[in-house]
N, C-alpha and C. Protein backbone atom coordinates (compact mmCIF):
# COMPACT_ATOMS: atom_id res chain seq x y z
N UNK A 1 6.63 11.08 -6.47
CA UNK A 1 5.30 10.53 -6.45
C UNK A 1 5.28 9.08 -6.91
N UNK A 2 6.28 8.66 -7.62
CA UNK A 2 6.31 7.29 -8.09
C UNK A 2 6.43 6.32 -6.91
N UNK A 3 7.10 6.75 -5.84
CA UNK A 3 7.19 5.89 -4.66
C UNK A 3 5.82 5.67 -4.03
N UNK A 4 4.99 6.70 -4.04
CA UNK A 4 3.65 6.55 -3.49
C UNK A 4 2.83 5.57 -4.32
N UNK A 5 2.94 5.65 -5.63
CA UNK A 5 2.19 4.74 -6.50
C UNK A 5 2.68 3.30 -6.33
N UNK A 6 3.99 3.13 -6.25
CA UNK A 6 4.54 1.79 -6.04
C UNK A 6 4.09 1.25 -4.68
N UNK A 7 4.10 2.11 -3.67
CA UNK A 7 3.65 1.70 -2.35
C UNK A 7 2.20 1.28 -2.34
N UNK A 8 1.36 2.00 -3.07
CA UNK A 8 -0.06 1.66 -3.13
C UNK A 8 -0.27 0.31 -3.80
N UNK A 9 0.46 0.07 -4.88
CA UNK A 9 0.31 -1.20 -5.60
C UNK A 9 0.81 -2.36 -4.75
N UNK A 10 1.99 -2.19 -4.16
CA UNK A 10 2.52 -3.26 -3.31
C UNK A 10 1.65 -3.50 -2.08
N UNK A 11 1.12 -2.43 -1.51
CA UNK A 11 0.23 -2.57 -0.36
C UNK A 11 -1.05 -3.31 -0.71
N UNK A 12 -1.60 -3.00 -1.88
CA UNK A 12 -2.83 -3.70 -2.31
C UNK A 12 -2.56 -5.18 -2.53
N UNK A 13 -1.42 -5.48 -3.13
CA UNK A 13 -1.07 -6.90 -3.34
C UNK A 13 -0.87 -7.59 -2.00
N UNK A 14 -0.16 -6.95 -1.09
CA UNK A 14 0.06 -7.53 0.23
C UNK A 14 -1.25 -7.75 0.97
N UNK A 15 -2.15 -6.78 0.91
CA UNK A 15 -3.44 -6.92 1.57
C UNK A 15 -4.26 -8.06 1.00
N UNK A 16 -4.25 -8.20 -0.32
CA UNK A 16 -4.98 -9.30 -0.97
C UNK A 16 -4.43 -10.65 -0.53
N UNK A 17 -3.10 -10.75 -0.50
CA UNK A 17 -2.47 -12.01 -0.10
C UNK A 17 -2.78 -12.34 1.36
N UNK A 18 -2.70 -11.34 2.23
CA UNK A 18 -3.00 -11.58 3.65
C UNK A 18 -4.44 -12.04 3.85
N UNK A 19 -5.38 -11.42 3.15
CA UNK A 19 -6.78 -11.82 3.28
C UNK A 19 -6.99 -13.23 2.74
N UNK A 20 -6.28 -13.57 1.67
CA UNK A 20 -6.39 -14.92 1.11
C UNK A 20 -5.87 -15.96 2.10
N UNK A 21 -4.74 -15.67 2.74
CA UNK A 21 -4.18 -16.60 3.72
C UNK A 21 -5.09 -16.79 4.92
N UNK A 22 -5.86 -15.76 5.26
CA UNK A 22 -6.78 -15.86 6.39
C UNK A 22 -8.12 -16.46 5.99
N UNK A 23 -8.27 -16.84 4.72
CA UNK A 23 -9.50 -17.48 4.27
C UNK A 23 -10.65 -16.52 4.04
N UNK A 24 -10.34 -15.29 3.68
CA UNK A 24 -11.39 -14.30 3.47
C UNK A 24 -12.10 -14.44 2.14
N UNK A 25 -13.32 -13.92 2.09
CA UNK A 25 -14.05 -13.93 0.82
C UNK A 25 -13.63 -12.71 -0.01
N UNK A 26 -14.29 -12.48 -1.12
CA UNK A 26 -13.89 -11.40 -2.03
C UNK A 26 -13.98 -10.03 -1.37
N UNK A 27 -15.03 -9.80 -0.58
CA UNK A 27 -15.18 -8.51 0.09
C UNK A 27 -14.04 -8.29 1.09
N UNK A 28 -13.65 -9.33 1.80
CA UNK A 28 -12.53 -9.22 2.73
C UNK A 28 -11.24 -8.90 2.00
N UNK A 29 -11.02 -9.56 0.88
CA UNK A 29 -9.81 -9.32 0.09
C UNK A 29 -9.76 -7.89 -0.42
N UNK A 30 -10.90 -7.39 -0.89
CA UNK A 30 -10.94 -6.01 -1.38
C UNK A 30 -10.71 -5.01 -0.25
N UNK A 31 -11.29 -5.29 0.92
CA UNK A 31 -11.10 -4.38 2.05
C UNK A 31 -9.66 -4.37 2.52
N UNK A 32 -9.05 -5.54 2.63
CA UNK A 32 -7.64 -5.61 3.02
C UNK A 32 -6.76 -4.92 1.99
N UNK A 33 -7.05 -5.16 0.70
CA UNK A 33 -6.25 -4.53 -0.36
C UNK A 33 -6.36 -3.02 -0.29
N UNK A 34 -7.56 -2.51 -0.07
CA UNK A 34 -7.75 -1.06 0.01
C UNK A 34 -7.04 -0.47 1.23
N UNK A 35 -7.20 -1.10 2.37
CA UNK A 35 -6.58 -0.59 3.59
C UNK A 35 -5.06 -0.60 3.50
N UNK A 36 -4.51 -1.71 3.04
CA UNK A 36 -3.05 -1.79 2.91
C UNK A 36 -2.55 -0.84 1.82
N UNK A 37 -3.31 -0.73 0.74
CA UNK A 37 -2.92 0.17 -0.33
C UNK A 37 -2.84 1.61 0.13
N UNK A 38 -3.83 2.05 0.90
CA UNK A 38 -3.84 3.42 1.42
C UNK A 38 -2.69 3.63 2.40
N UNK A 39 -2.46 2.67 3.27
CA UNK A 39 -1.39 2.80 4.26
C UNK A 39 -0.02 2.90 3.56
N UNK A 40 0.22 2.02 2.60
CA UNK A 40 1.50 2.03 1.90
C UNK A 40 1.63 3.26 1.01
N UNK A 41 0.52 3.76 0.48
CA UNK A 41 0.52 4.99 -0.29
C UNK A 41 1.01 6.15 0.56
N UNK A 42 0.48 6.25 1.77
CA UNK A 42 0.90 7.32 2.67
C UNK A 42 2.36 7.19 3.07
N UNK A 43 2.80 5.98 3.34
CA UNK A 43 4.21 5.76 3.69
C UNK A 43 5.10 6.16 2.52
N UNK A 44 4.74 5.73 1.31
CA UNK A 44 5.52 6.10 0.13
C UNK A 44 5.52 7.59 -0.13
N UNK A 45 4.39 8.24 0.12
CA UNK A 45 4.31 9.68 -0.06
C UNK A 45 5.24 10.41 0.90
N UNK A 46 5.24 10.01 2.16
CA UNK A 46 6.11 10.68 3.12
C UNK A 46 7.58 10.40 2.86
N UNK A 47 7.91 9.21 2.40
CA UNK A 47 9.29 8.92 2.02
C UNK A 47 9.71 9.82 0.87
N UNK A 48 8.85 9.96 -0.14
CA UNK A 48 9.15 10.83 -1.28
C UNK A 48 9.27 12.28 -0.84
N UNK A 49 8.43 12.69 0.08
CA UNK A 49 8.48 14.06 0.59
C UNK A 49 9.79 14.34 1.29
N UNK A 50 10.22 13.44 2.16
CA UNK A 50 11.48 13.62 2.87
C UNK A 50 12.68 13.54 1.92
N UNK A 51 12.60 12.68 0.91
CA UNK A 51 13.69 12.60 -0.06
C UNK A 51 13.81 13.91 -0.85
N UNK A 52 12.67 14.51 -1.18
CA UNK A 52 12.71 15.79 -1.90
C UNK A 52 13.24 16.90 -1.01
N UNK A 53 12.88 16.86 0.24
CA UNK A 53 13.34 17.90 1.17
C UNK A 53 14.84 17.80 1.41
N UNK A 54 15.35 16.59 1.50
CA UNK A 54 16.77 16.38 1.76
C UNK A 54 17.61 16.35 0.49
N UNK A 55 16.98 16.39 -0.67
CA UNK A 55 17.69 16.42 -1.92
C UNK A 55 18.30 15.09 -2.34
N UNK A 56 17.67 14.02 -1.96
CA UNK A 56 18.18 12.68 -2.30
C UNK A 56 17.59 12.27 -3.62
């Protein structure tokens, strides 16, 4: 589960940075951070799930 948490944090940071580069306001930055955070959370969760299944 730590991979999912790390993915969510990194995704939120990435989303915030992308919105800043595109000149977004605070609402845009929060929306990008949330969307990227959720996406990276799911990716991290599935990676952790497969690692547990394969015994890595």
